[in-house]
Every structure is written in C-alpha cells, then in structure tokens.
Amino acid sequence: MKFLRVLFVCVASAVSALAQASDSLPEKAATIALLERAADWQLAHPAKHATTDWTQAAFYDGVMALSGVSESPRFLNAMLKVGETNQWKLGPRLYHADDHAVGQMYAEMYLLKHDQKMIAPMQESFDSILAKPKEDNLSFTAKNNPLFQQTWSWCDALFMSPPAWVRLWKATGKEAYLNFAVEKWWVTSTYLYDKDEHLYYRDDTYFKRREANGKKMFWSRGNGWVMGGLVRILQYLPKDHAARPRFVQQYQEMAEKLITLQQPDGLWHSSLLDPANYPIKETSGSGFYTYALAWGVNEGLLDEAKFKPGILRAWQGLVSCVDAEGKLTHVQPIGADPKKFPEDSTEVYGVGAFLLAGTEVLRLK
C-alpha cells in the first residue's frame, strides 16, 4: 500500500507538471509516460463493448499511434491480440460504417507486418460493397430510408469508414477502395456540412434544431469525428490526388472555425455554439480537435503562430482530466448531440482520442 501511495503521488506530480505552462512544449519522456499510463488503465479496465465495435476501434487507433512512440512492445502486442481474437474480421453489419472502423487498425498492422490474413476479411467485405453499392439516401429517419445507416448518413461515419477504405487502398494498391472513400465522403459532406458555419450537423434530424441560445446545434464530438476523419484521410491521400485540395480546404475551414470556439479551460464543450449551457469540460471531442490541429501544424497545413498556442492550451486541458491512476475523465457518454454528464465519466473512444492527440503534440517543434 505504501508503494501505491508513493506511486500515486509521483503520478500526480507528473500530471501536475505537464499541466503547467501551457505556452511551452510538454516534456517528451513525461508525456509518453502519461500516454502509456492512460493506455494501460484502459487495457486493464476493458470496455464492455464488442472487440469489433467502433468505440473500441477509436481506442485501437490511439494505441497504434502510441506504439510508434513508446519503447515498449506491449501496445503493439495488445493490438495483435485483438486482431487475432477478432480473426481480423470487421463488425457484423456489412454496410454500416461503425463496423468498418476496426479495419483501420488491421490495415495499419498489415503495413507493419505484411501478413495477408490481417486484411483478407476486410477485402472480402469491401469488395462485396463495391459489387453492390447502396444508393445515396442519407435520410436519418428509418421510415424515410430503406437503407437506414447503410450509407454514411451521420457525421461520425466519416471517421469510422473512409479512413479504413483509404488504408486498405494503401495496403493493396486497389484504386477502387480510394475512389469509393473520396466519392462517398463528398456525398455526405454536401448533405451535412454547413458552409456558413464550417461545421457538420450530426445528421439531417438536426438541421432545424436550435440550442437554448437560439444558435444551430453542432455537437462537439460529432465534429471531432469529422476532423479526425479528415486527418486520417489526408495522411494517406496522395499529394497529387485531384481531390486533395478540396479535402485540405474543408480541413482548414473547420480548423479556422474551431479555434475560435475553444473555451478558456483550453477545451471545447459538448455544444460548440452554446458552451455556456454545457459548462463542463468534454475530452473526447477536444481530444480529436487537439489531434487534428496538431497534425495540421506538423504538416504545414495550419499556421503555427496562430494555432500552436491553442493546441498547447488544449493539451494542458486534456492532461488535467487524467487522474493519478491514468483514467481519462470528462468524456461524454455515447450519444448523438450535446449532453450534460458526470465529470468522472470515461469511455474507451475518449482514451483513443487522447492518445492520438498526445502523439501529435509530441511532434510539435
């Protein structure tokens, strides 16, 4: 017990040190240690979701990123174990974007290990979709849409599915996978992206909904999913691809908007345009924004002088939400719109966003 008390004091001191001086870069070793602690906490407290679920898939993305900066093989080994447990299969619903998300980890593992079994089931599934694609009905009301949730009709889907298609293209060279991701992204964007606000509606049932202050309802994590999806496409989209300028433009538009919506605590609250009505910190959307904005600065797509201070404040805010054991708090539970929730709430996808954010912050100069 004495050892645990000493450990908790040391951890708390490290977290406190990381949370200081938001205008300076965090120390590398302490940051990696914090990321490892958060990942270890989540691995020791497995979420009660299927191991092919989208919630888990977002965590796997973060663990894969962490494995690239950690000296320990335990994180990559954990993902190999997940793949083997799943027999490298996607979720059970062929067309549902949420069930494609786990494929991002499979494809990235294939790019490291070059073992065909890691992508063979995903190829079979995606080839079936290409053989019988669904029409572009994006209504999110089941009675109006016989293809309900079989197309990318909600903004979260843009994180779940397109990056998996792009990664499978990278793994196989089959252009049809890349073409599908690009084409269908812009179908969804045309429908859900508000060109005035430069934000995404969660789905079409939110077009006319308003917040208590009368402003449009834009959910933080929903737009975080989109920003994460944009990054995870641009990571692999060829520099000379005809659609790349369009993706970059949307990414930059959203980044410019989002940095104006950052709150004094460094984070983004559950409602982007009515943060006063949702005063609690929210770490899942904030984690994805920190990840996406830091990536843009690192890749030269965002102005460092303008964005870096906000990124560092955001990282400070995220770090302040990790307790001494490594549990990430202030994660809005599963949902589709802004909600109020307990401060100690956590979820596996929030940890994934935190790990992605931290690994990109480490790349800042």
Protein backbone atom coordinates (compact mmCIF):
# COMPACT_ATOMS: atom_id res chain seq x y z
CA MET A 1 0.00 0.00 0.00
CA LYS A 2 2.88 2.35 0.82
CA PHE A 3 4.29 1.69 -2.65
CA LEU A 4 0.94 2.53 -4.26
CA ARG A 5 0.66 5.77 -2.29
CA VAL A 6 4.14 6.78 -3.40
CA LEU A 7 3.30 5.84 -6.98
CA PHE A 8 0.12 7.90 -6.96
CA VAL A 9 1.99 10.89 -5.54
CA CYS A 10 4.61 10.57 -8.29
CA VAL A 11 1.95 10.22 -10.97
CA ALA A 12 0.03 13.20 -9.63
CA SER A 13 3.22 15.25 -9.61
CA ALA A 14 3.96 14.30 -13.21
CA VAL A 15 0.44 15.19 -14.29
CA SER A 16 0.66 18.50 -12.44
CA ALA A 17 3.96 19.31 -14.10
CA LEU A 18 2.55 18.53 -17.52
CA ALA A 19 -0.45 20.74 -16.86
CA GLN A 20 1.71 23.78 -16.12
CA ALA A 21 2.93 26.40 -18.56
CA SER A 22 0.54 25.90 -21.46
CA ASP A 23 2.70 28.12 -23.63
CA SER A 24 5.59 25.63 -23.67
CA LEU A 25 6.03 22.21 -25.20
CA PRO A 26 5.48 19.28 -22.83
CA GLU A 27 8.49 17.23 -21.84
CA LYS A 28 8.77 14.17 -24.08
CA ALA A 29 9.51 11.41 -21.58
CA ALA A 30 6.84 12.57 -19.12
CA THR A 31 4.30 12.85 -21.92
CA ILE A 32 5.00 9.35 -23.21
CA ALA A 33 4.75 8.04 -19.65
CA LEU A 34 1.37 9.73 -19.26
CA LEU A 35 0.11 8.31 -22.56
CA GLU A 36 1.30 4.85 -21.56
CA ARG A 37 -0.45 5.20 -18.20
CA ALA A 38 -3.73 6.16 -19.84
CA ALA A 39 -3.50 3.27 -22.30
CA ASP A 40 -2.56 0.83 -19.55
CA TRP A 41 -5.51 1.98 -17.43
CA GLN A 42 -7.89 1.36 -20.32
CA LEU A 43 -6.36 -2.02 -21.17
CA ALA A 44 -6.73 -3.00 -17.51
CA HIS A 45 -10.36 -1.81 -17.49
CA PRO A 46 -11.71 -3.17 -20.80
CA ALA A 47 -14.85 -1.53 -22.10
CA LYS A 48 -17.98 -3.64 -22.21
CA HIS A 49 -18.32 -3.40 -25.97
CA ALA A 50 -17.65 -5.96 -28.69
CA THR A 51 -13.99 -6.02 -29.71
CA THR A 52 -15.02 -5.06 -33.26
CA ASP A 53 -17.13 -2.13 -32.08
CA TRP A 54 -16.49 1.45 -33.20
CA THR A 55 -15.92 2.51 -29.61
CA GLN A 56 -13.04 0.09 -29.32
CA ALA A 57 -11.76 0.91 -32.81
CA ALA A 58 -11.11 4.53 -31.87
CA PHE A 59 -9.06 3.31 -28.92
CA TYR A 60 -7.11 0.95 -31.15
CA ASP A 61 -6.22 3.89 -33.40
CA GLY A 62 -4.76 5.68 -30.41
CA VAL A 63 -2.86 2.62 -29.22
CA MET A 64 -1.37 2.14 -32.68
CA ALA A 65 -0.16 5.74 -32.59
CA LEU A 66 1.24 5.23 -29.10
CA SER A 67 3.09 2.11 -30.22
CA GLY A 68 5.02 4.33 -32.62
CA VAL A 69 6.48 6.46 -29.81
CA SER A 70 6.68 4.01 -26.91
CA GLU A 71 9.73 1.83 -26.43
CA SER A 72 7.55 -0.94 -25.01
CA PRO A 73 6.20 -3.64 -27.37
CA ARG A 74 3.18 -4.22 -25.12
CA PHE A 75 0.91 -1.84 -27.00
CA LEU A 76 1.51 -3.29 -30.44
CA ASN A 77 1.23 -6.76 -28.93
CA ALA A 78 -2.13 -5.83 -27.42
CA MET A 79 -3.40 -4.85 -30.86
CA LEU A 80 -2.08 -8.06 -32.40
CA LYS A 81 -4.02 -9.96 -29.75
CA VAL A 82 -7.18 -8.02 -30.61
CA GLY A 83 -6.76 -8.82 -34.30
CA GLU A 84 -6.25 -12.49 -33.60
CA THR A 85 -9.24 -12.57 -31.25
CA ASN A 86 -11.38 -10.98 -33.97
CA GLN A 87 -9.91 -13.25 -36.65
CA TRP A 88 -9.20 -9.94 -38.41
CA LYS A 89 -12.89 -9.59 -39.22
CA LEU A 90 -14.92 -6.37 -39.30
CA GLY A 91 -18.13 -5.90 -37.35
CA PRO A 92 -21.17 -7.97 -38.39
CA ARG A 93 -23.07 -5.31 -40.41
CA LEU A 94 -21.65 -5.24 -43.93
CA TYR A 95 -22.62 -1.70 -44.90
CA HIS A 96 -22.64 0.01 -41.50
CA ALA A 97 -19.77 2.49 -41.17
CA ASP A 98 -19.35 1.80 -37.46
CA ASP A 99 -18.45 -1.80 -38.24
CA HIS A 100 -15.71 -0.72 -40.66
CA ALA A 101 -13.78 1.33 -38.10
CA VAL A 102 -11.77 -1.57 -36.69
CA GLY A 103 -10.35 -2.09 -40.17
CA GLN A 104 -8.13 0.96 -39.70
CA MET A 105 -6.08 -0.90 -37.12
CA TYR A 106 -5.99 -4.05 -39.24
CA ALA A 107 -4.66 -2.19 -42.27
CA GLU A 108 -2.06 -0.32 -40.24
CA MET A 109 -0.94 -3.61 -38.72
CA TYR A 110 -0.67 -5.08 -42.20
CA LEU A 111 1.51 -2.16 -43.29
CA LEU A 112 3.85 -3.08 -40.43
CA LYS A 113 3.74 -6.88 -40.65
CA HIS A 114 2.69 -7.62 -44.27
CA ASP A 115 0.61 -10.62 -43.23
CA GLN A 116 -2.23 -11.08 -45.72
CA LYS A 117 -4.56 -12.59 -43.13
CA MET A 118 -4.77 -9.19 -41.44
CA ILE A 119 -6.65 -7.61 -44.33
CA ALA A 120 -8.19 -10.55 -46.22
CA PRO A 121 -11.58 -10.46 -44.42
CA MET A 122 -11.80 -6.68 -44.86
CA GLN A 123 -11.01 -7.00 -48.57
CA GLU A 124 -13.77 -9.55 -48.92
CA SER A 125 -16.27 -7.27 -47.16
CA PHE A 126 -15.31 -4.14 -49.06
CA ASP A 127 -15.30 -5.98 -52.38
CA SER A 128 -18.87 -7.09 -51.61
CA ILE A 129 -19.84 -3.47 -51.03
CA LEU A 130 -18.21 -2.39 -54.29
CA ALA A 131 -20.08 -5.14 -56.13
CA LYS A 132 -23.44 -3.97 -54.74
CA PRO A 133 -23.14 -0.34 -53.59
CA LYS A 134 -26.12 1.29 -51.93
CA GLU A 135 -27.89 4.33 -53.34
CA ASP A 136 -27.06 7.66 -51.71
CA ASN A 137 -30.13 8.05 -49.50
CA LEU A 138 -28.85 10.00 -46.48
CA SER A 139 -32.08 10.45 -44.56
CA PHE A 140 -31.51 9.51 -40.94
CA THR A 141 -35.14 8.71 -40.35
CA ALA A 142 -35.71 4.98 -40.71
CA LYS A 143 -39.27 5.36 -42.05
CA ASN A 144 -37.97 7.58 -44.86
CA ASN A 145 -34.94 5.50 -45.72
CA PRO A 146 -34.95 1.77 -46.52
CA LEU A 147 -31.14 2.00 -46.44
CA PHE A 148 -31.09 3.42 -42.91
CA GLN A 149 -27.48 3.53 -41.67
CA GLN A 150 -26.25 1.62 -44.70
CA THR A 151 -24.86 4.83 -46.16
CA TRP A 152 -22.73 7.49 -44.43
CA SER A 153 -25.75 9.44 -43.25
CA TRP A 154 -24.35 10.70 -39.91
CA CYS A 155 -21.16 12.69 -39.47
CA ASP A 156 -19.49 10.16 -37.14
CA ALA A 157 -19.40 7.78 -40.09
CA LEU A 158 -16.72 9.93 -41.71
CA PHE A 159 -14.25 8.86 -39.04
CA MET A 160 -15.38 5.25 -38.95
CA SER A 161 -15.36 4.15 -42.56
CA PRO A 162 -13.47 6.35 -45.09
CA PRO A 163 -10.08 6.08 -43.33
CA ALA A 164 -10.43 2.28 -43.38
CA TRP A 165 -11.08 2.32 -47.13
CA VAL A 166 -8.10 4.61 -47.71
CA ARG A 167 -5.83 2.41 -45.62
CA LEU A 168 -6.94 -0.69 -47.48
CA TRP A 169 -6.06 1.08 -50.73
CA LYS A 170 -2.62 1.84 -49.29
CA ALA A 171 -2.20 -1.80 -48.32
CA THR A 172 -3.36 -3.28 -51.63
CA GLY A 173 -2.98 -0.60 -54.29
CA LYS A 174 -6.56 -1.21 -55.44
CA GLU A 175 -7.76 2.20 -56.63
CA ALA A 176 -11.44 1.33 -56.22
CA TYR A 177 -11.08 1.50 -52.44
CA LEU A 178 -9.65 5.00 -52.54
CA ASN A 179 -12.17 6.17 -55.14
CA PHE A 180 -15.08 4.91 -53.03
CA ALA A 181 -13.87 6.73 -49.93
CA VAL A 182 -13.37 10.01 -51.76
CA GLU A 183 -16.65 9.88 -53.67
CA LYS A 184 -18.81 8.97 -50.70
CA TRP A 185 -17.14 11.49 -48.38
CA TRP A 186 -18.30 14.31 -50.61
CA VAL A 187 -21.80 12.88 -50.89
CA THR A 188 -22.09 13.10 -47.10
CA SER A 189 -20.34 16.46 -46.92
CA THR A 190 -22.69 18.02 -49.45
CA TYR A 191 -25.59 16.95 -47.28
CA LEU A 192 -24.36 17.61 -43.72
CA TYR A 193 -21.71 20.34 -43.94
CA ASP A 194 -22.92 23.85 -43.12
CA LYS A 195 -20.96 26.09 -45.49
CA ASP A 196 -21.73 29.19 -43.43
CA GLU A 197 -20.65 27.83 -40.06
CA HIS A 198 -17.98 25.47 -41.43
CA LEU A 199 -19.27 22.73 -39.15
CA TYR A 200 -21.13 19.45 -39.62
CA TYR A 201 -24.62 18.63 -38.45
CA ARG A 202 -24.68 15.25 -36.77
CA ASP A 203 -27.40 14.10 -39.22
CA ASP A 204 -30.40 15.60 -41.01
CA THR A 205 -32.63 15.42 -37.94
CA TYR A 206 -30.57 18.32 -36.54
CA PHE A 207 -31.00 20.71 -39.48
CA LYS A 208 -33.69 22.74 -37.73
CA ARG A 209 -32.81 22.11 -34.10
CA ARG A 210 -31.53 25.02 -32.06
CA GLU A 211 -29.71 25.42 -28.77
CA ALA A 212 -31.09 27.33 -25.77
CA ASN A 213 -29.34 30.47 -27.01
CA GLY A 214 -31.05 30.15 -30.41
CA LYS A 215 -27.94 29.06 -32.31
CA LYS A 216 -27.63 25.99 -34.51
CA MET A 217 -26.87 22.72 -32.78
CA PHE A 218 -23.39 21.46 -33.58
CA TRP A 219 -22.18 18.62 -31.40
CA SER A 220 -18.55 18.76 -30.37
CA ARG A 221 -17.63 15.08 -30.65
CA GLY A 222 -19.51 14.77 -33.92
CA ASN A 223 -17.33 17.45 -35.45
CA GLY A 224 -14.35 15.87 -33.70
CA TRP A 225 -15.09 12.64 -35.57
CA VAL A 226 -15.06 14.60 -38.82
CA MET A 227 -11.80 16.39 -38.08
CA GLY A 228 -10.21 13.09 -37.12
CA GLY A 229 -11.54 11.55 -40.31
CA LEU A 230 -10.13 14.36 -42.43
CA VAL A 231 -6.70 13.89 -40.91
CA ARG A 232 -6.81 10.13 -41.31
CA ILE A 233 -7.64 10.50 -44.99
CA LEU A 234 -5.08 13.22 -45.67
CA GLN A 235 -2.38 11.11 -44.01
CA TYR A 236 -2.54 8.72 -46.94
CA LEU A 237 -4.17 10.65 -49.78
CA PRO A 238 -1.51 11.22 -52.47
CA LYS A 239 -0.17 14.76 -52.68
CA ASP A 240 -1.13 14.93 -56.36
CA HIS A 241 -4.61 13.45 -55.99
CA ALA A 242 -7.24 15.58 -57.71
CA ALA A 243 -9.45 15.67 -54.59
CA ARG A 244 -6.70 16.60 -52.13
CA PRO A 245 -7.14 20.40 -52.44
CA ARG A 246 -10.82 20.01 -51.63
CA PHE A 247 -10.09 17.95 -48.52
CA VAL A 248 -7.43 20.42 -47.42
CA GLN A 249 -9.81 23.34 -47.93
CA GLN A 250 -12.50 21.76 -45.76
CA TYR A 251 -9.97 20.80 -43.12
CA GLN A 252 -8.60 24.35 -42.98
CA GLU A 253 -12.08 25.91 -42.94
CA MET A 254 -13.10 23.77 -40.00
CA ALA A 255 -9.82 24.38 -38.17
CA GLU A 256 -10.22 28.15 -38.54
CA LYS A 257 -13.73 27.93 -37.12
CA LEU A 258 -12.91 25.56 -34.31
CA ILE A 259 -10.01 27.54 -32.91
CA THR A 260 -12.44 30.43 -32.35
CA LEU A 261 -14.69 28.13 -30.30
CA GLN A 262 -12.04 26.97 -27.83
CA GLN A 263 -13.03 27.74 -24.25
CA PRO A 264 -10.94 29.40 -21.51
CA ASP A 265 -10.25 25.99 -19.95
CA GLY A 266 -8.48 25.03 -23.19
CA LEU A 267 -11.13 22.54 -24.28
CA TRP A 268 -14.30 22.51 -26.35
CA HIS A 269 -17.57 21.89 -24.57
CA SER A 270 -20.29 19.49 -25.64
CA SER A 271 -22.12 22.15 -27.68
CA LEU A 272 -19.84 24.15 -29.94
CA LEU A 273 -22.10 27.20 -30.30
CA ASP A 274 -23.71 27.17 -26.85
CA PRO A 275 -20.86 26.27 -24.47
CA ALA A 276 -22.36 28.31 -21.62
CA ASN A 277 -25.28 25.89 -21.43
CA TYR A 278 -22.83 22.97 -21.21
CA PRO A 279 -20.12 24.34 -18.89
CA ILE A 280 -18.40 21.04 -18.11
CA LYS A 281 -15.17 20.11 -19.90
CA GLU A 282 -15.52 17.48 -22.62
CA THR A 283 -12.46 15.45 -23.57
CA SER A 284 -13.48 13.21 -26.47
CA GLY A 285 -14.29 15.97 -28.95
CA SER A 286 -11.43 18.04 -27.52
CA GLY A 287 -9.04 15.12 -27.95
CA PHE A 288 -9.89 14.80 -31.62
CA TYR A 289 -9.53 18.55 -32.17
CA THR A 290 -6.15 18.60 -30.45
CA TYR A 291 -5.05 15.66 -32.59
CA ALA A 292 -6.29 17.22 -35.81
CA LEU A 293 -4.97 20.72 -35.19
CA ALA A 294 -1.55 19.50 -34.05
CA TRP A 295 -1.31 17.29 -37.12
CA GLY A 296 -2.09 20.28 -39.34
CA VAL A 297 0.66 22.37 -37.78
CA ASN A 298 3.09 19.46 -38.03
CA GLU A 299 2.28 19.00 -41.71
CA GLY A 300 2.42 22.69 -42.57
CA LEU A 301 -1.29 22.99 -43.33
CA LEU A 302 -2.04 25.35 -40.43
CA ASP A 303 -0.22 28.49 -39.35
CA GLU A 304 1.96 27.63 -36.38
CA ALA A 305 1.84 31.08 -34.79
CA LYS A 306 -1.95 31.10 -34.88
CA PHE A 307 -2.72 27.53 -33.85
CA LYS A 308 0.12 26.28 -31.67
CA PRO A 309 -0.81 28.29 -28.55
CA GLY A 310 -4.36 26.92 -28.68
CA ILE A 311 -3.09 23.38 -29.21
CA LEU A 312 -0.88 23.61 -26.15
CA ARG A 313 -3.73 25.03 -24.06
CA ALA A 314 -5.91 22.18 -25.27
CA TRP A 315 -3.27 19.63 -24.31
CA GLN A 316 -2.97 21.21 -20.89
CA GLY A 317 -6.74 20.92 -20.52
CA LEU A 318 -6.72 17.26 -21.54
CA VAL A 319 -3.88 16.41 -19.18
CA SER A 320 -5.81 18.00 -16.31
CA CYS A 321 -8.54 15.40 -16.91
CA VAL A 322 -6.29 12.37 -16.34
CA ASP A 323 -6.39 11.16 -12.76
CA ALA A 324 -3.49 9.68 -10.80
CA GLU A 325 -4.29 6.14 -11.92
CA GLY A 326 -4.41 7.08 -15.60
CA LYS A 327 -8.18 7.26 -16.03
CA LEU A 328 -9.33 9.90 -18.51
CA THR A 329 -12.37 11.75 -17.19
CA HIS A 330 -14.88 14.24 -18.63
CA VAL A 331 -15.78 12.01 -21.59
CA GLN A 332 -19.33 12.48 -22.84
CA PRO A 333 -21.07 9.08 -22.96
CA ILE A 334 -22.26 7.51 -26.19
CA GLY A 335 -24.83 9.75 -27.86
CA ALA A 336 -25.59 11.96 -30.82
CA ASP A 337 -25.88 15.52 -29.51
CA PRO A 338 -24.71 17.79 -26.69
CA LYS A 339 -25.45 16.41 -23.23
CA LYS A 340 -24.66 17.11 -19.60
CA PHE A 341 -22.89 14.26 -17.82
CA PRO A 342 -20.88 13.41 -14.66
CA GLU A 343 -17.37 14.80 -14.54
CA ASP A 344 -15.84 11.38 -13.81
CA SER A 345 -17.39 9.84 -16.94
CA THR A 346 -14.99 7.93 -19.16
CA GLU A 347 -15.23 5.87 -22.35
CA VAL A 348 -12.78 3.94 -24.45
CA TYR A 349 -13.08 6.18 -27.54
CA GLY A 350 -12.15 9.21 -25.43
CA VAL A 351 -8.91 7.49 -24.46
CA GLY A 352 -8.24 6.79 -28.13
CA ALA A 353 -8.64 10.47 -28.94
CA PHE A 354 -6.35 11.38 -26.03
CA LEU A 355 -3.62 9.04 -27.28
CA LEU A 356 -3.89 10.39 -30.82
CA ALA A 357 -3.69 13.93 -29.51
CA GLY A 358 -0.65 13.23 -27.35
CA THR A 359 1.33 11.55 -30.09
CA GLU A 360 0.77 14.53 -32.38
CA VAL A 361 1.61 17.06 -29.66
CA LEU A 362 4.90 15.21 -29.24
CA ARG A 363 5.73 16.03 -32.86
CA LEU A 364 5.37 19.77 -32.35
CA LYS A 365 8.62 21.74 -32.58
